[in-house]
């Protein structure tokens, strides 16, 4: 049986991440909004969103060991692909359709509370280069909340399986980073060959095999993107 959770669907808010964290009591809480005035992406970057967008944040206590928590970002990505047709993933937190980004995942942890943010472009005519949206026509105001609840259902079901039971093989199939030559700041380069169960990216480099963690590495790029 999937974990139950409460839901708050809102209009425009400063940040669903902050609201989900502040309003969390004991059971999982999903907060969604159509727009954010202070939304953020990974490493504090400003989150750019579409005219019709979804911002969703799910706050919960997974009960996982601290060393397993980084993989929850990847679990949330797999859940996103279950509710978006033809989606794939770029390690560690981008959701793609084709070669274009349609969404992203943000995970934050404080005193055992995990808040997973999911930002998604639902409809975006004349989107910037490299960015796309899920729908070619405006799906209306109800599309985002419905999709967010399906995503939360899927994510919490995967969390119930525990850190040894999340669908890592599915992530590997969906991850477009694997098999690519990549670079990362400040001066790393190599070929991405695997993702381990903790969520780290395994890379073959000229000096040997390296294990990259999302908390320590920013701006992983395929060399084909430059």
Protein backbone atom coordinates (compact mmCIF):
# COMPACT_ATOMS: atom_id res chain seq x y z
CA UNK A 1 0.00 0.00 0.00
CA UNK A 2 1.35 3.41 -0.96
CA UNK A 3 2.19 5.87 1.78
CA UNK A 4 -0.58 8.39 2.41
CA UNK A 5 0.19 12.11 2.29
CA UNK A 6 -1.56 15.44 2.54
CA UNK A 7 -1.74 17.90 -0.35
CA UNK A 8 -1.81 21.67 -0.64
CA UNK A 9 -2.41 23.01 -4.16
CA UNK A 10 -1.62 26.73 -4.34
CA UNK A 11 -1.41 29.48 -6.95
CA UNK A 12 1.69 31.69 -6.82
CA UNK A 13 4.08 31.24 -3.90
CA UNK A 14 7.64 32.31 -3.06
CA UNK A 15 8.96 28.72 -2.94
CA UNK A 16 7.23 25.34 -2.62
CA UNK A 17 10.43 24.00 -1.05
CA UNK A 18 10.20 26.48 1.81
CA UNK A 19 6.47 25.99 2.29
CA UNK A 20 6.72 22.19 2.33
CA UNK A 21 9.51 22.35 4.90
CA UNK A 22 7.77 24.95 7.09
CA UNK A 23 4.35 23.27 7.00
CA UNK A 24 5.51 19.68 7.46
CA UNK A 25 4.24 18.12 10.68
CA UNK A 26 4.61 14.35 10.81
CA UNK A 27 3.24 12.69 7.66
CA UNK A 28 4.35 13.39 4.09
CA UNK A 29 3.21 16.70 2.64
CA UNK A 30 2.97 17.64 -1.05
CA UNK A 31 2.87 21.36 -1.90
CA UNK A 32 2.28 22.45 -5.49
CA UNK A 33 2.08 25.83 -7.18
CA UNK A 34 1.53 27.20 -10.66
CA UNK A 35 4.26 29.81 -10.20
CA UNK A 36 7.07 30.74 -7.83
CA UNK A 37 8.56 34.16 -7.16
CA UNK A 38 11.68 32.79 -5.45
CA UNK A 39 12.06 29.31 -6.92
CA UNK A 40 15.52 27.86 -7.00
CA UNK A 41 17.40 25.10 -8.72
CA UNK A 42 20.41 23.04 -7.81
CA UNK A 43 23.31 24.85 -6.06
CA UNK A 44 21.07 27.88 -5.51
CA UNK A 45 20.57 28.64 -9.20
CA UNK A 46 17.47 30.56 -10.21
CA UNK A 47 14.80 28.26 -11.64
CA UNK A 48 13.41 29.52 -14.94
CA UNK A 49 9.88 28.31 -15.63
CA UNK A 50 7.33 28.26 -18.42
CA UNK A 51 4.09 30.25 -18.76
CA UNK A 52 2.30 27.04 -17.78
CA UNK A 53 4.45 25.28 -15.22
CA UNK A 54 4.42 23.03 -12.21
CA UNK A 55 6.37 23.54 -9.01
CA UNK A 56 5.95 20.67 -6.56
CA UNK A 57 7.72 19.83 -3.32
CA UNK A 58 7.25 16.67 -1.28
CA UNK A 59 8.41 16.72 2.35
CA UNK A 60 8.83 13.43 4.22
CA UNK A 61 11.08 11.45 6.55
CA UNK A 62 12.26 8.42 4.58
CA UNK A 63 13.87 6.57 7.47
CA UNK A 64 16.91 5.78 5.33
CA UNK A 65 20.49 5.76 6.60
CA UNK A 66 22.27 9.08 5.95
CA UNK A 67 24.66 7.58 3.42
CA UNK A 68 21.72 6.40 1.29
CA UNK A 69 19.91 9.74 1.12
CA UNK A 70 21.73 11.14 -1.97
CA UNK A 71 20.12 8.47 -4.14
CA UNK A 72 16.65 9.91 -3.43
CA UNK A 73 17.28 12.57 -6.08
CA UNK A 74 17.66 9.78 -8.62
CA UNK A 75 14.61 7.94 -7.30
CA UNK A 76 12.58 11.13 -7.78
CA UNK A 77 13.85 11.31 -11.36
CA UNK A 78 12.69 7.77 -12.12
CA UNK A 79 9.29 8.68 -10.66
CA UNK A 80 9.14 11.70 -12.96
CA UNK A 81 9.64 9.52 -16.04
CA UNK A 82 6.73 7.34 -14.94
CA UNK A 83 4.32 10.28 -15.27
CA UNK A 84 5.84 11.99 -18.35
CA UNK A 85 5.72 10.26 -21.72
CA UNK A 86 9.05 9.68 -23.51
CA UNK A 87 11.14 11.29 -20.75
CA UNK A 88 14.74 10.47 -19.95
CA UNK A 89 17.22 11.63 -17.30
CA UNK A 90 20.52 13.45 -17.21
CA UNK A 91 22.57 12.79 -14.09
CA UNK A 92 21.95 13.91 -11.45
CA UNK A 93 18.74 15.92 -11.64
CA UNK A 94 17.53 16.92 -15.12
CA UNK A 95 14.40 15.55 -16.80
CA UNK A 96 14.60 15.52 -20.61
CA UNK A 97 12.42 14.94 -23.62
CA UNK A 98 14.70 14.29 -26.55
CA UNK A 99 17.75 16.48 -26.03
CA UNK A 100 15.86 19.29 -24.29
CA UNK A 101 15.32 19.88 -20.60
CA UNK A 102 11.70 19.96 -19.46
CA UNK A 103 12.21 19.73 -15.71
CA UNK A 104 14.51 19.28 -12.80
CA UNK A 105 14.74 17.71 -9.36
CA UNK A 106 16.01 19.44 -6.23
CA UNK A 107 16.65 17.53 -2.99
CA UNK A 108 17.22 19.26 0.35
CA UNK A 109 17.85 17.65 3.74
CA UNK A 110 17.52 19.11 7.23
CA UNK A 111 17.45 17.13 10.49
CA UNK A 112 16.24 13.98 8.77
CA UNK A 113 13.52 15.77 6.78
CA UNK A 114 13.86 15.37 3.02
CA UNK A 115 12.17 17.89 0.72
CA UNK A 116 12.18 16.87 -2.93
CA UNK A 117 11.33 19.61 -5.41
CA UNK A 118 10.10 18.89 -8.92
CA UNK A 119 9.94 21.75 -11.42
CA UNK A 120 8.34 21.02 -14.77
CA UNK A 121 7.58 23.04 -17.90
CA UNK A 122 4.08 22.03 -18.95
CA UNK A 123 3.67 24.40 -21.92
CA UNK A 124 6.15 26.94 -23.26
CA UNK A 125 5.70 28.50 -26.71
CA UNK A 126 8.98 29.97 -27.97
CA UNK A 127 11.01 28.32 -25.23
CA UNK A 128 14.72 29.22 -24.93
CA UNK A 129 17.24 27.05 -26.76
CA UNK A 130 17.84 23.73 -25.04
CA UNK A 131 14.58 23.95 -23.07
CA UNK A 132 11.21 22.40 -23.90
CA UNK A 133 7.83 21.60 -22.37
CA UNK A 134 5.74 18.49 -21.95
CA UNK A 135 2.73 19.73 -23.95
CA UNK A 136 2.52 21.43 -27.33
CA UNK A 137 -0.77 23.12 -26.32
CA UNK A 138 -1.79 24.67 -23.01
CA UNK A 139 -3.10 21.76 -20.86
CA UNK A 140 -4.94 24.06 -18.43
CA UNK A 141 -4.70 24.73 -14.73
CA UNK A 142 -5.52 21.23 -13.48
CA UNK A 143 -2.78 19.38 -15.38
CA UNK A 144 0.02 20.31 -12.97
CA UNK A 145 -1.67 19.27 -9.71
CA UNK A 146 -2.81 15.96 -11.21
CA UNK A 147 0.67 15.16 -12.47
CA UNK A 148 2.25 16.15 -9.14
CA UNK A 149 0.05 13.73 -7.22
CA UNK A 150 0.89 10.89 -9.59
CA UNK A 151 4.59 11.72 -9.15
CA UNK A 152 4.28 11.76 -5.35
CA UNK A 153 2.44 8.41 -5.38
CA UNK A 154 5.21 6.85 -7.44
CA UNK A 155 8.04 8.38 -5.42
CA UNK A 156 6.68 7.34 -2.03
CA UNK A 157 6.07 3.82 -3.29
CA UNK A 158 9.72 3.60 -4.36
CA UNK A 159 10.87 5.04 -1.03
CA UNK A 160 8.96 2.27 0.76
CA UNK A 161 11.20 -0.27 -1.00
CA UNK A 162 14.19 1.12 0.92
CA UNK A 163 17.67 2.13 -0.22
CA UNK A 164 18.43 -1.38 -1.46
CA UNK A 165 15.19 -1.66 -3.39
CA UNK A 166 14.95 1.49 -5.49
CA UNK A 167 14.90 0.80 -9.26
CA UNK A 168 18.51 1.51 -10.11
CA UNK A 169 18.36 -0.58 -13.29
CA UNK A 170 15.52 1.60 -14.54
CA UNK A 171 17.58 4.69 -13.79
CA UNK A 172 20.52 3.29 -15.73
CA UNK A 173 18.31 2.63 -18.77
CA UNK A 174 16.85 6.14 -18.59
CA UNK A 175 20.11 8.02 -17.94
CA UNK A 176 21.46 9.66 -21.09
CA UNK A 177 24.71 10.55 -19.30
CA UNK A 178 25.89 6.94 -19.24
CA UNK A 179 28.16 6.07 -22.14
CA UNK A 180 28.99 9.73 -22.79
CA UNK A 181 32.28 11.59 -22.56
CA UNK A 182 31.68 14.30 -19.96
CA UNK A 183 33.39 17.25 -18.33
CA UNK A 184 32.77 18.77 -14.93
CA UNK A 185 34.06 21.74 -13.00
CA UNK A 186 36.69 22.71 -12.26
CA UNK A 187 38.69 20.62 -14.76
CA UNK A 188 37.46 17.02 -14.74
CA UNK A 189 36.87 14.88 -17.79
CA UNK A 190 36.15 11.24 -18.51
CA UNK A 191 33.57 8.74 -19.72
CA UNK A 192 30.49 8.04 -17.59
CA UNK A 193 30.10 4.29 -17.25
CA UNK A 194 27.73 3.59 -14.36
CA UNK A 195 25.66 4.87 -11.45
CA UNK A 196 26.00 3.12 -8.10
CA UNK A 197 23.21 2.46 -5.62
CA UNK A 198 24.11 5.52 -3.55
CA UNK A 199 23.51 7.72 -6.60
CA UNK A 200 27.12 8.46 -7.47
CA UNK A 201 28.26 8.63 -11.09
CA UNK A 202 31.16 6.32 -11.95
CA UNK A 203 33.56 7.80 -14.50
CA UNK A 204 36.61 6.40 -16.28
CA UNK A 205 39.29 9.10 -16.52
CA UNK A 206 42.86 9.12 -17.85
CA UNK A 207 44.10 8.84 -14.27
CA UNK A 208 41.72 6.08 -13.20
CA UNK A 209 38.14 5.54 -12.16
CA UNK A 210 36.41 8.31 -10.21
CA UNK A 211 33.17 8.45 -8.25
CA UNK A 212 31.28 11.73 -8.59
CA UNK A 213 28.63 12.77 -6.08
CA UNK A 214 25.98 15.35 -6.88
CA UNK A 215 26.73 17.32 -3.73
CA UNK A 216 30.37 17.82 -4.70
CA UNK A 217 30.17 18.26 -8.47
CA UNK A 218 28.46 20.99 -10.47
CA UNK A 219 27.72 21.42 -14.18
CA UNK A 220 28.32 17.96 -15.59
CA UNK A 221 28.22 18.28 -19.38
CA UNK A 222 28.43 15.87 -22.26
CA UNK A 223 31.24 16.86 -24.59
CA UNK A 224 28.69 16.62 -27.41
CA UNK A 225 26.87 19.63 -25.90
CA UNK A 226 29.77 22.06 -26.34
